Amino acid sequence: MHEYIVCSPCLFCICNLNSRIEINTQTTAFPTEDFLNQKHYSLNELGWKDCFKDQLTKDDSKMVPARVTMTHKGHLVVSTGEAELLLKIAGKGIGSLNEQPTVGDWLLMDRETMVPVKVLERTSLLQRMAPGQKVELQPIAANIDTLFIVSSCNTEFNLNRIERYICLALEAGVNFVLVLTKEDLTEEAQEYRRQATHLFEGMPIVTINGKDPQSVQSLQKWFKPGETVALLGSSGVGKTTLLNTVNGTDKEKTGAIRVGDEKGRHTTTTRSLHVLPTGALLIDVPGIRELQLHDCHAGIYQAFSEIVKAEEMCRFADCSHEREPGCRVREALENESITKRRLDNYLKLKEEAEKNTEEITERAKRKSGKKKQYSRKWKK
């Protein structure tokens, strides 16, 4: 049985998670102050929908739904709407759950012990390969309706990187919007917008000054009551500034741009869900330094549909698009209906996704192939 902590997530606890004393599995929940703007919410206000309600069975009548509102260094904060609980992830999961919940997930909690017993099926999941040397998947956020891909109008702007996020969103089946921040710090905001226009047909692109409430108003149509929006982007692109402006507060810490390289400072350290004045829910995620794709073929094929169509018309099914005769991809390059940059990025992402998928599959095979350990039976 995994160890976990259930306690009142006061501000002191959240700021000092690493200094918490581990408590045994008989721990129960203490009365708690609600951490989301210091008020109580209905389940619907936390994003509860019919698709989650329809998953409940008669056996779940003693369970309490709760949404994961924060993840931070091995801990989760979950909200039932009336109370919030702090849970510690230990070992391979939390409690009896066979998978790791992430921010945005809906859990069913035992009404008496407030121990999580089930993760409800997700409507969407954003995930990536874990950064570093670990061969495993890392969930980013779950049950997202719209993804804001946040970039800035300076040297951070990178078409290849934005295409990664587009592939991720398409694979997850969520709506996505490209938000270009810091338009007030450049005279070339429209040029950045023009470059991004050709990345994906129909993708909404909004340029804003994240500090100006009037400028941020252009995003309001995506902030509908009960809908969940996630912010993803590199460190320092202005995600937290945008959150503060939308929320009408300066609660979250922000960092100024470093002089010289135009890069913002990394300020967000937790994945957190916020209830906005409009009734929408906004998930803020720490800056993404590494976004390795896994099993993302459908998203990649959708994001680079013009290349895929040309590939399908090549004479050879295994055409490398280099010297083979009858290569329609090279023909498209020559008539400029495909750009070299897009082709190179497509091939890179495709190879990366295939490699990572194979590594995860091999790891799962090795794990399942390990011999079971049996307890030794002693003779009397």
Protein backbone atom coordinates (compact mmCIF):
# COMPACT_ATOMS: atom_id res chain seq x y z
CA MET A 1 0.00 0.00 0.00
CA HIS A 2 1.42 3.38 -0.93
CA GLU A 3 1.85 6.03 1.72
CA TYR A 4 0.14 9.34 1.26
CA ILE A 5 -0.68 12.53 3.12
CA VAL A 6 -4.12 14.02 3.52
CA CYS A 7 -4.16 17.35 5.27
CA SER A 8 -5.31 20.92 5.10
CA PRO A 9 -3.41 22.64 2.24
CA CYS A 10 -2.86 25.96 3.94
CA LEU A 11 -0.46 28.42 2.36
CA PHE A 12 2.31 27.23 4.70
CA CYS A 13 1.88 23.60 3.51
CA ILE A 14 1.93 24.53 -0.16
CA CYS A 15 5.06 26.62 0.22
CA ASN A 16 6.87 24.01 2.35
CA LEU A 17 5.88 20.68 0.80
CA ASN A 18 9.38 19.25 1.09
CA SER A 19 9.43 19.72 4.86
CA ARG A 20 6.19 17.80 5.50
CA ILE A 21 6.35 14.86 7.90
CA GLU A 22 5.08 11.62 6.36
CA ILE A 23 1.93 10.29 7.98
CA ASN A 24 0.74 6.67 7.86
CA THR A 25 -2.17 5.41 5.78
CA GLN A 26 -4.70 5.82 8.62
CA THR A 27 -4.63 9.61 8.18
CA THR A 28 -7.98 11.36 7.72
CA ALA A 29 -8.80 14.77 6.32
CA PHE A 30 -8.84 17.86 8.48
CA PRO A 31 -11.27 20.73 7.89
CA THR A 32 -9.62 23.07 5.43
CA GLU A 33 -9.85 26.54 4.06
CA ASP A 34 -10.61 26.42 0.34
CA PHE A 35 -7.50 27.41 -1.60
CA LEU A 36 -9.22 28.43 -4.87
CA ASN A 37 -9.88 32.12 -4.30
CA GLN A 38 -11.04 31.37 -0.71
CA LYS A 39 -14.56 30.22 -1.64
CA HIS A 40 -16.57 27.06 -2.23
CA TYR A 41 -17.60 25.81 -5.65
CA SER A 42 -20.11 23.42 -7.11
CA LEU A 43 -18.75 20.49 -9.13
CA ASN A 44 -20.03 22.15 -12.32
CA GLU A 45 -17.98 25.25 -11.48
CA LEU A 46 -14.91 23.02 -11.25
CA GLY A 47 -15.55 21.65 -14.76
CA TRP A 48 -17.75 18.63 -13.93
CA LYS A 49 -19.62 17.48 -17.06
CA ASP A 50 -22.07 14.79 -18.11
CA CYS A 51 -19.24 12.70 -19.58
CA PHE A 52 -17.81 12.30 -16.07
CA LYS A 53 -21.18 11.80 -14.39
CA ASP A 54 -22.04 9.05 -16.90
CA GLN A 55 -19.03 7.03 -15.71
CA LEU A 56 -20.42 6.66 -12.19
CA THR A 57 -21.93 3.31 -11.18
CA LYS A 58 -24.02 2.17 -8.22
CA ASP A 59 -20.82 1.07 -6.52
CA ASP A 60 -19.61 4.68 -6.67
CA SER A 61 -22.44 6.01 -4.50
CA LYS A 62 -20.09 6.22 -1.52
CA MET A 63 -17.49 8.12 -3.50
CA VAL A 64 -16.87 11.87 -3.68
CA PRO A 65 -15.67 13.42 -6.97
CA ALA A 66 -12.65 15.69 -6.64
CA ARG A 67 -10.57 17.52 -9.23
CA VAL A 68 -6.79 17.78 -9.12
CA THR A 69 -6.06 21.49 -8.81
CA MET A 70 -2.30 21.45 -8.24
CA THR A 71 0.74 19.20 -8.64
CA HIS A 72 4.08 20.00 -7.06
CA LYS A 73 7.13 17.80 -6.43
CA GLY A 74 5.35 14.54 -5.66
CA HIS A 75 2.23 16.09 -4.15
CA LEU A 76 -1.30 16.71 -5.38
CA VAL A 77 -3.97 19.10 -4.17
CA VAL A 78 -7.52 17.97 -4.96
CA SER A 79 -10.76 19.90 -4.51
CA THR A 80 -14.25 18.56 -3.84
CA GLY A 81 -15.60 22.10 -4.17
CA GLU A 82 -16.17 22.35 -0.43
CA ALA A 83 -12.69 21.34 0.75
CA GLU A 84 -9.19 20.79 -0.56
CA LEU A 85 -6.88 17.95 0.39
CA LEU A 86 -3.13 17.53 0.10
CA LEU A 87 -2.04 14.07 -1.13
CA LYS A 88 1.50 12.76 -1.33
CA ILE A 89 2.49 10.54 -4.25
CA ALA A 90 4.75 7.70 -3.14
CA GLY A 91 6.18 4.76 -5.06
CA LYS A 92 4.44 4.16 -8.36
CA GLY A 93 1.30 6.11 -7.64
CA ILE A 94 -1.05 7.32 -5.00
CA GLY A 95 -3.15 5.08 -2.78
CA SER A 96 -4.51 2.18 -4.85
CA LEU A 97 -4.49 4.07 -8.15
CA ASN A 98 -2.64 2.34 -10.97
CA GLU A 99 -1.75 5.57 -12.77
CA GLN A 100 -0.43 8.96 -11.78
CA PRO A 101 -3.07 11.71 -11.76
CA THR A 102 -2.21 15.12 -13.12
CA VAL A 103 -3.69 18.59 -12.86
CA GLY A 104 -7.19 18.66 -14.35
CA ASP A 105 -7.93 15.00 -13.56
CA TRP A 106 -11.15 13.94 -11.83
CA LEU A 107 -10.75 11.42 -8.99
CA LEU A 108 -13.28 9.48 -6.96
CA MET A 109 -12.49 9.69 -3.23
CA ASP A 110 -13.73 7.34 -0.53
CA ARG A 111 -16.31 9.36 1.41
CA GLU A 112 -15.10 8.12 4.81
CA THR A 113 -11.33 8.09 4.42
CA MET A 114 -11.00 10.58 1.53
CA VAL A 115 -8.51 8.22 -0.08
CA PRO A 116 -8.55 8.36 -3.93
CA VAL A 117 -9.74 5.07 -5.44
CA LYS A 118 -10.26 5.83 -9.13
CA VAL A 119 -9.21 8.20 -11.90
CA LEU A 120 -12.18 8.92 -14.16
CA GLU A 121 -11.68 8.45 -17.88
CA ARG A 122 -10.24 11.62 -19.40
CA THR A 123 -11.74 13.63 -22.23
CA SER A 124 -8.22 14.67 -23.23
CA LEU A 125 -4.65 14.28 -22.03
CA LEU A 126 -1.55 16.29 -22.83
CA GLN A 127 1.60 14.25 -22.23
CA ARG A 128 5.25 14.14 -23.22
CA MET A 129 8.32 12.01 -22.74
CA ALA A 130 9.81 12.72 -19.33
CA PRO A 131 12.78 15.09 -19.64
CA GLY A 132 16.24 13.71 -18.96
CA GLN A 133 17.32 10.09 -19.23
CA LYS A 134 14.13 8.46 -17.93
CA VAL A 135 12.23 6.37 -20.46
CA GLU A 136 8.69 7.12 -19.31
CA LEU A 137 5.71 9.29 -20.12
CA GLN A 138 4.89 12.40 -18.12
CA PRO A 139 1.31 13.70 -18.04
CA ILE A 140 1.08 17.48 -18.34
CA ALA A 141 -2.63 18.23 -17.92
CA ALA A 142 -5.94 16.42 -18.37
CA ASN A 143 -9.52 17.19 -19.37
CA ILE A 144 -8.58 20.27 -21.39
CA ASP A 145 -11.07 21.98 -23.71
CA THR A 146 -8.73 24.58 -25.25
CA LEU A 147 -4.95 24.88 -25.31
CA PHE A 148 -3.33 28.30 -25.46
CA ILE A 149 0.05 27.87 -27.16
CA VAL A 150 1.90 30.86 -25.73
CA SER A 151 4.90 32.38 -27.50
CA SER A 152 6.29 35.90 -27.45
CA CYS A 153 7.14 38.53 -30.04
CA ASN A 154 10.91 38.37 -29.60
CA THR A 155 13.79 35.96 -30.13
CA GLU A 156 11.89 33.22 -28.24
CA PHE A 157 9.50 32.92 -31.22
CA ASN A 158 10.27 29.64 -33.00
CA LEU A 159 8.13 28.07 -35.73
CA ASN A 160 9.47 24.54 -35.17
CA ARG A 161 8.65 24.72 -31.47
CA ILE A 162 5.13 26.00 -32.12
CA GLU A 163 4.56 23.09 -34.51
CA ARG A 164 5.40 20.69 -31.66
CA TYR A 165 2.60 22.16 -29.57
CA ILE A 166 0.22 21.98 -32.53
CA CYS A 167 0.97 18.26 -32.93
CA LEU A 168 0.41 17.74 -29.21
CA ALA A 169 -2.97 19.51 -29.31
CA LEU A 170 -4.15 17.68 -32.42
CA GLU A 171 -3.19 14.31 -30.96
CA ALA A 172 -5.11 15.13 -27.76
CA GLY A 173 -8.12 16.31 -29.74
CA VAL A 174 -8.37 19.74 -28.12
CA ASN A 175 -8.96 23.17 -29.63
CA PHE A 176 -5.88 25.37 -29.73
CA VAL A 177 -5.07 29.05 -30.05
CA LEU A 178 -1.67 30.65 -30.67
CA VAL A 179 -1.20 33.55 -28.25
CA LEU A 180 1.68 35.89 -29.08
CA THR A 181 2.57 38.01 -26.06
CA LYS A 182 4.68 41.13 -25.53
CA GLU A 183 3.41 42.92 -28.63
CA ASP A 184 4.02 46.16 -26.72
CA LEU A 185 7.78 45.52 -26.72
CA THR A 186 8.21 45.35 -30.50
CA GLU A 187 7.15 47.09 -33.66
CA GLU A 188 7.10 43.79 -35.56
CA ALA A 189 4.20 42.02 -33.84
CA GLN A 190 2.29 41.69 -37.11
CA GLU A 191 5.33 40.13 -38.79
CA TYR A 192 5.43 37.40 -36.13
CA ARG A 193 1.73 36.89 -36.69
CA ARG A 194 2.24 36.66 -40.47
CA GLN A 195 4.92 33.98 -40.08
CA ALA A 196 2.64 31.89 -37.85
CA THR A 197 -0.35 32.15 -40.19
CA HIS A 198 0.96 29.37 -42.45
CA LEU A 199 1.56 26.84 -39.65
CA PHE A 200 -1.96 25.41 -39.55
CA GLU A 201 -4.99 26.47 -41.56
CA GLY A 202 -7.73 27.99 -39.41
CA MET A 203 -5.61 28.28 -36.25
CA PRO A 204 -6.68 31.40 -34.31
CA ILE A 205 -3.74 33.74 -33.67
CA VAL A 206 -4.00 36.54 -31.11
CA THR A 207 -1.30 39.12 -30.34
CA ILE A 208 -1.56 40.74 -26.93
CA ASN A 209 0.11 42.80 -24.25
CA GLY A 210 -0.32 40.46 -21.29
CA LYS A 211 -0.21 43.34 -18.81
CA ASP A 212 -3.05 45.26 -20.45
CA PRO A 213 -6.58 44.08 -19.47
CA GLN A 214 -8.03 45.71 -22.57
CA SER A 215 -5.63 43.81 -24.82
CA VAL A 216 -6.36 40.51 -23.04
CA GLN A 217 -10.09 40.99 -23.68
CA SER A 218 -9.53 39.43 -27.11
CA LEU A 219 -9.15 36.06 -25.36
CA GLN A 220 -12.41 36.23 -23.41
CA LYS A 221 -14.46 34.24 -25.94
CA TRP A 222 -12.52 31.10 -24.96
CA PHE A 223 -13.13 31.63 -21.23
CA LYS A 224 -16.61 30.12 -21.02
CA PRO A 225 -18.09 28.92 -17.69
CA GLY A 226 -17.03 25.36 -16.88
CA GLU A 227 -14.55 25.20 -19.76
CA THR A 228 -10.90 24.39 -19.03
CA VAL A 229 -8.11 26.28 -20.80
CA ALA A 230 -4.43 25.36 -20.43
CA LEU A 231 -1.41 27.61 -20.95
CA LEU A 232 1.68 25.98 -22.47
CA GLY A 233 4.88 27.61 -23.60
CA SER A 234 8.53 28.21 -22.82
CA SER A 235 9.72 29.88 -19.63
CA GLY A 236 9.31 33.64 -19.58
CA VAL A 237 6.85 34.05 -22.47
CA GLY A 238 4.36 35.74 -20.16
CA LYS A 239 2.00 32.94 -19.11
CA THR A 240 1.85 33.98 -15.46
CA THR A 241 1.48 37.65 -16.38
CA LEU A 242 -1.43 36.67 -18.61
CA LEU A 243 -2.96 34.62 -15.79
CA ASN A 244 -2.72 37.55 -13.39
CA THR A 245 -4.33 39.95 -15.85
CA VAL A 246 -7.17 37.58 -16.74
CA ASN A 247 -7.72 36.82 -13.05
CA GLY A 248 -7.57 40.48 -12.08
CA THR A 249 -4.83 39.86 -9.50
CA ASP A 250 -1.06 39.92 -9.09
CA LYS A 251 -1.12 36.83 -6.86
CA GLU A 252 1.33 34.80 -8.94
CA LYS A 253 4.96 35.87 -9.03
CA THR A 254 6.29 37.11 -12.39
CA GLY A 255 9.78 37.79 -13.67
CA ALA A 256 11.11 40.54 -15.91
CA ILE A 257 12.84 39.84 -19.22
CA ARG A 258 16.60 39.42 -18.96
CA VAL A 259 18.50 42.14 -20.74
CA GLY A 260 20.49 40.83 -23.71
CA ASP A 261 18.72 37.62 -24.73
CA GLU A 262 15.11 38.80 -24.33
CA LYS A 263 14.31 35.68 -22.27
CA GLY A 264 11.96 35.88 -19.33
CA ARG A 265 12.77 34.36 -15.97
CA HIS A 266 11.23 31.06 -14.91
CA THR A 267 8.60 31.87 -12.24
CA THR A 268 5.92 29.16 -12.24
CA THR A 269 7.01 26.00 -10.38
CA THR A 270 3.69 24.17 -9.97
CA ARG A 271 0.95 23.02 -12.30
CA SER A 272 -2.16 24.70 -10.99
CA LEU A 273 -5.83 25.17 -11.86
CA HIS A 274 -7.47 28.57 -11.30
CA VAL A 275 -11.15 29.52 -11.33
CA LEU A 276 -11.52 32.75 -13.32
CA PRO A 277 -14.10 35.52 -12.77
CA THR A 278 -15.81 34.41 -16.02
CA GLY A 279 -16.40 30.93 -14.59
CA ALA A 280 -13.78 29.33 -16.83
CA LEU A 281 -10.90 27.31 -15.42
CA LEU A 282 -7.31 28.08 -16.36
CA ILE A 283 -4.41 25.65 -15.95
CA ASP A 284 -0.97 27.24 -15.68
CA VAL A 285 2.02 24.97 -16.34
CA PRO A 286 5.72 25.71 -15.68
CA GLY A 287 7.72 26.70 -18.73
CA ILE A 288 8.37 23.75 -21.05
CA ARG A 289 12.09 23.35 -21.73
CA GLU A 290 11.84 19.99 -23.51
CA LEU A 291 8.78 18.67 -25.37
CA GLN A 292 9.60 15.23 -26.73
CA LEU A 293 6.64 13.71 -28.57
CA HIS A 294 5.44 10.13 -28.10
CA ASP A 295 2.86 8.13 -30.09
CA CYS A 296 1.82 11.36 -31.78
CA HIS A 297 1.50 10.15 -35.37
CA ALA A 298 -2.09 11.27 -35.89
CA GLY A 299 -1.25 14.76 -34.63
CA ILE A 300 1.88 14.98 -36.78
CA TYR A 301 0.04 13.84 -39.91
CA GLN A 302 -2.70 16.43 -39.33
CA ALA A 303 -0.23 19.22 -38.61
CA PHE A 304 1.76 18.51 -41.79
CA SER A 305 -1.10 17.38 -44.03
CA GLU A 306 0.35 18.94 -47.21
CA ILE A 307 3.53 16.87 -46.81
CA VAL A 308 1.59 13.69 -46.02
CA LYS A 309 -0.53 14.13 -49.16
CA ALA A 310 2.61 14.54 -51.28
CA GLU A 311 4.20 11.48 -49.63
CA GLU A 312 1.19 9.34 -50.50
CA MET A 313 1.74 10.14 -54.18
CA CYS A 314 5.44 9.17 -54.22
CA ARG A 315 6.28 6.25 -56.51
CA PHE A 316 7.89 4.27 -53.68
CA ALA A 317 6.19 3.70 -50.33
CA ASP A 318 9.53 3.94 -48.50
CA CYS A 319 10.67 7.04 -50.39
CA SER A 320 13.27 9.02 -48.42
CA HIS A 321 12.58 12.15 -50.53
CA GLU A 322 16.22 12.45 -51.49
CA ARG A 323 17.15 10.80 -54.82
CA GLU A 324 14.32 8.40 -55.64
CA PRO A 325 12.54 8.94 -59.01
CA GLY A 326 8.88 9.90 -58.86
CA CYS A 327 9.22 11.71 -55.52
CA ARG A 328 6.27 14.09 -55.24
CA VAL A 329 7.68 15.65 -52.07
CA ARG A 330 10.74 16.94 -53.96
CA GLU A 331 8.46 18.20 -56.69
CA ALA A 332 6.45 20.10 -54.05
CA LEU A 333 9.69 21.60 -52.71
CA GLU A 334 10.62 22.77 -56.19
CA ASN A 335 7.27 24.45 -56.83
CA GLU A 336 7.37 25.87 -53.26
CA SER A 337 4.08 24.33 -52.13
CA ILE A 338 6.18 22.79 -49.32
CA THR A 339 9.00 24.58 -47.51
CA LYS A 340 12.31 22.95 -46.61
CA ARG A 341 11.92 24.02 -43.01
CA ARG A 342 8.52 22.33 -42.69
CA LEU A 343 9.74 19.15 -44.34
CA ASP A 344 12.81 18.91 -42.10
CA ASN A 345 10.71 19.47 -38.98
CA TYR A 346 8.11 16.92 -40.12
CA LEU A 347 10.76 14.24 -40.67
CA LYS A 348 12.41 15.07 -37.35
CA LEU A 349 9.17 14.89 -35.34
CA LYS A 350 8.06 11.72 -37.10
CA GLU A 351 11.37 9.98 -36.36
CA GLU A 352 11.34 11.24 -32.77
CA ALA A 353 7.79 9.98 -32.11
CA GLU A 354 8.58 6.57 -33.60
CA LYS A 355 11.77 6.22 -31.55
CA ASN A 356 10.09 7.25 -28.29
CA THR A 357 7.12 4.96 -28.91
CA GLU A 358 9.46 2.01 -29.50
CA GLU A 359 11.40 2.78 -26.31
CA ILE A 360 8.23 2.97 -24.21
CA THR A 361 6.96 -0.30 -25.75
CA GLU A 362 10.27 -2.06 -25.05
CA ARG A 363 10.28 -0.78 -21.49
CA ALA A 364 6.75 -2.10 -20.96
CA LYS A 365 7.77 -5.51 -22.35
CA ARG A 366 10.80 -5.71 -20.06
CA LYS A 367 8.67 -4.71 -17.10
CA SER A 368 5.96 -7.30 -17.80
CA GLY A 369 8.59 -9.96 -18.52
CA LYS A 370 10.16 -9.80 -15.09
CA LYS A 371 9.64 -12.92 -13.03
CA LYS A 372 7.09 -12.62 -10.25
CA GLN A 373 8.51 -12.75 -6.75
CA TYR A 374 6.84 -15.35 -4.61
CA SER A 375 7.03 -15.46 -0.83
CA ARG A 376 8.96 -18.49 0.45
CA LYS A 377 6.93 -21.13 2.23
CA TRP A 378 8.78 -22.51 5.26
CA LYS A 379 8.46 -26.15 6.23
CA LYS A 380 6.94 -26.83 9.61
